[in-house]
Amino acid sequence: MQKKEQSDKIRLDKWLWAARFFKTRALSKKAIEGGKVHYNDARTKPGKIMELDALIKVRQGLIEKEVIVLAISDKRRGAPEAALLYNETEESITRREQEAATRKQLISAQMPPARRPNKKQRRQIHRFENINRSSEAQD
């Protein structure tokens, strides 16, 4: 991946699209305007000119990545080449892994979803209801 000079001005929304954080530039622009992208720990605009070694925080759903810009490109290429444009910080990686483990534990701790009773269970329910009705009638 060729490093671009500072004279080549690339917008933040276009860089995020080229680095494959978002599928389209419109989604990239919407995320920036919605405050889901921070450039050097501050909210920014889609037209912000990218600089090398800038710190970018990108929130996508439950996942928040903190990356450092290594190269600037306006061309969208394959994922392995796009990954060369940035480097995710160690703190970001460990935080994401911890949050994923926490979410996984919460999901596994929940009760399984309620299912409809099968035919045998329905018969047992009907028998139980009939026994209760007959005992109430006797009282």
Protein backbone atom coordinates (compact mmCIF):
# COMPACT_ATOMS: atom_id res chain seq x y z
CA MET A 1 0.00 0.00 0.00
CA GLN A 2 1.49 3.30 -1.07
CA LYS A 3 1.61 6.06 1.54
CA LYS A 4 0.16 9.26 0.22
CA GLU A 5 1.67 12.68 0.76
CA GLN A 6 -0.16 15.31 2.80
CA SER A 7 -0.82 17.22 -0.44
CA ASP A 8 -3.24 14.45 -1.44
CA LYS A 9 -6.29 15.40 0.56
CA ILE A 10 -8.58 12.52 1.45
CA ARG A 11 -11.81 13.07 3.35
CA LEU A 12 -12.50 11.07 6.52
CA ASP A 13 -15.68 9.49 5.15
CA LYS A 14 -13.86 8.35 2.02
CA TRP A 15 -10.97 6.89 4.04
CA LEU A 16 -13.36 4.97 6.33
CA TRP A 17 -15.06 3.56 3.22
CA ALA A 18 -11.69 2.63 1.64
CA ALA A 19 -10.52 1.01 4.91
CA ARG A 20 -13.74 -1.10 4.84
CA PHE A 21 -15.26 0.13 8.08
CA PHE A 22 -18.47 0.92 6.17
CA LYS A 23 -20.01 -0.58 3.06
CA THR A 24 -20.81 2.75 1.40
CA ARG A 25 -19.63 6.33 1.71
CA ALA A 26 -23.16 7.36 2.60
CA LEU A 27 -23.13 5.02 5.62
CA SER A 28 -19.71 6.36 6.56
CA LYS A 29 -20.96 9.95 6.38
CA LYS A 30 -24.09 9.09 8.40
CA ALA A 31 -21.98 7.47 11.15
CA ILE A 32 -19.67 10.49 11.36
CA GLU A 33 -22.60 12.91 11.54
CA GLY A 34 -24.25 10.69 14.17
CA GLY A 35 -21.22 10.93 16.47
CA LYS A 36 -20.16 7.31 16.04
CA VAL A 37 -16.72 8.31 14.71
CA HIS A 38 -14.21 10.40 16.70
CA TYR A 39 -11.04 11.83 15.17
CA ASN A 40 -8.28 12.45 17.77
CA ASP A 41 -10.84 12.11 20.62
CA ALA A 42 -13.22 14.73 19.21
CA ARG A 43 -16.36 14.66 17.08
CA THR A 44 -15.67 15.64 13.53
CA LYS A 45 -17.23 16.26 10.14
CA PRO A 46 -17.19 13.95 7.10
CA GLY A 47 -15.00 16.42 5.18
CA LYS A 48 -12.14 16.30 7.72
CA ILE A 49 -8.81 15.88 5.91
CA MET A 50 -7.00 12.71 7.02
CA GLU A 51 -3.53 12.82 8.54
CA LEU A 52 -1.07 10.02 9.27
CA ASP A 53 -0.84 8.76 12.88
CA ALA A 54 -4.31 10.11 13.71
CA LEU A 55 -6.35 8.25 16.32
CA ILE A 56 -9.81 7.26 15.13
CA LYS A 57 -12.54 5.67 17.25
CA VAL A 58 -15.24 3.91 15.25
CA ARG A 59 -18.40 2.50 16.85
CA GLN A 60 -20.28 -0.15 14.87
CA GLY A 61 -23.19 -1.55 16.84
CA LEU A 62 -21.82 -3.00 20.07
CA ILE A 63 -18.23 -2.96 18.81
CA GLU A 64 -15.94 0.05 19.26
CA LYS A 65 -12.56 0.03 17.54
CA GLU A 66 -9.71 2.41 18.24
CA VAL A 67 -7.29 2.59 15.30
CA ILE A 68 -4.19 4.55 14.30
CA VAL A 69 -3.92 5.65 10.67
CA LEU A 70 -0.83 4.15 8.98
CA ALA A 71 -1.56 5.00 5.36
CA ILE A 72 -4.02 7.11 3.43
CA SER A 73 -5.85 5.79 0.40
CA ASP A 74 -9.00 6.71 -1.47
CA LYS A 75 -9.31 3.41 -3.31
CA ARG A 76 -11.37 0.57 -1.86
CA ARG A 77 -9.51 -2.70 -2.22
CA GLY A 78 -9.70 -6.17 -0.69
CA ALA A 79 -9.89 -6.64 3.07
CA PRO A 80 -6.23 -7.74 3.50
CA GLU A 81 -5.02 -4.61 1.69
CA ALA A 82 -7.50 -2.36 3.52
CA ALA A 83 -6.21 -3.67 6.88
CA LEU A 84 -2.80 -2.21 6.01
CA LEU A 85 -4.25 1.31 6.19
CA TYR A 86 -4.63 1.19 9.98
CA ASN A 87 -3.47 -0.56 13.14
CA GLU A 88 -5.87 -1.31 15.98
CA THR A 89 -4.52 -0.42 19.43
CA GLU A 90 -3.87 -3.16 22.01
CA GLU A 91 -6.30 -1.60 24.50
CA SER A 92 -9.03 -1.67 21.88
CA ILE A 93 -8.42 -5.33 21.09
CA THR A 94 -8.48 -6.41 24.74
CA ARG A 95 -11.58 -4.31 25.47
CA ARG A 96 -13.44 -5.82 22.48
CA GLU A 97 -12.50 -9.36 23.52
CA GLN A 98 -13.63 -8.74 27.12
CA GLU A 99 -16.95 -7.28 25.98
CA ALA A 100 -17.51 -10.20 23.62
CA ALA A 101 -16.82 -12.68 26.42
CA THR A 102 -19.22 -10.82 28.73
CA ARG A 103 -21.96 -10.83 26.09
CA LYS A 104 -21.40 -14.54 25.49
CA GLN A 105 -21.73 -15.28 29.21
CA LEU A 106 -24.92 -13.23 29.50
CA ILE A 107 -26.47 -15.05 26.57
CA SER A 108 -25.53 -18.48 27.90
CA ALA A 109 -26.86 -17.60 31.39
CA GLN A 110 -30.34 -16.82 30.08
CA MET A 111 -33.09 -19.39 30.16
CA PRO A 112 -33.75 -21.14 26.86
CA PRO A 113 -36.67 -19.71 24.91
CA ALA A 114 -40.12 -21.04 25.82
CA ARG A 115 -41.42 -23.61 23.38
CA ARG A 116 -44.92 -24.78 22.66
CA PRO A 117 -45.80 -27.97 24.49
CA ASN A 118 -45.72 -31.12 22.43
CA LYS A 119 -48.68 -33.51 22.18
CA LYS A 120 -47.78 -35.50 25.30
CA GLN A 121 -47.30 -32.35 27.37
CA ARG A 122 -50.66 -30.95 26.14
CA ARG A 123 -52.41 -34.14 27.29
CA GLN A 124 -50.77 -33.81 30.70
CA ILE A 125 -51.91 -30.19 30.93
CA HIS A 126 -55.50 -31.15 30.00
CA ARG A 127 -55.52 -33.97 32.58
CA PHE A 128 -54.23 -31.59 35.24
CA GLU A 129 -56.88 -28.99 34.36
CA ASN A 130 -59.64 -31.62 34.45
CA ILE A 131 -58.50 -32.86 37.86
CA ASN A 132 -58.50 -29.30 39.22
CA ARG A 133 -61.98 -28.59 37.80
CA SER A 134 -63.44 -31.76 39.28
CA SER A 135 -61.91 -31.05 42.70
CA GLU A 136 -63.32 -27.49 42.62
CA ALA A 137 -66.78 -28.83 41.74
CA GLN A 138 -66.73 -31.15 44.74
CA ASP A 139 -65.90 -28.29 47.14
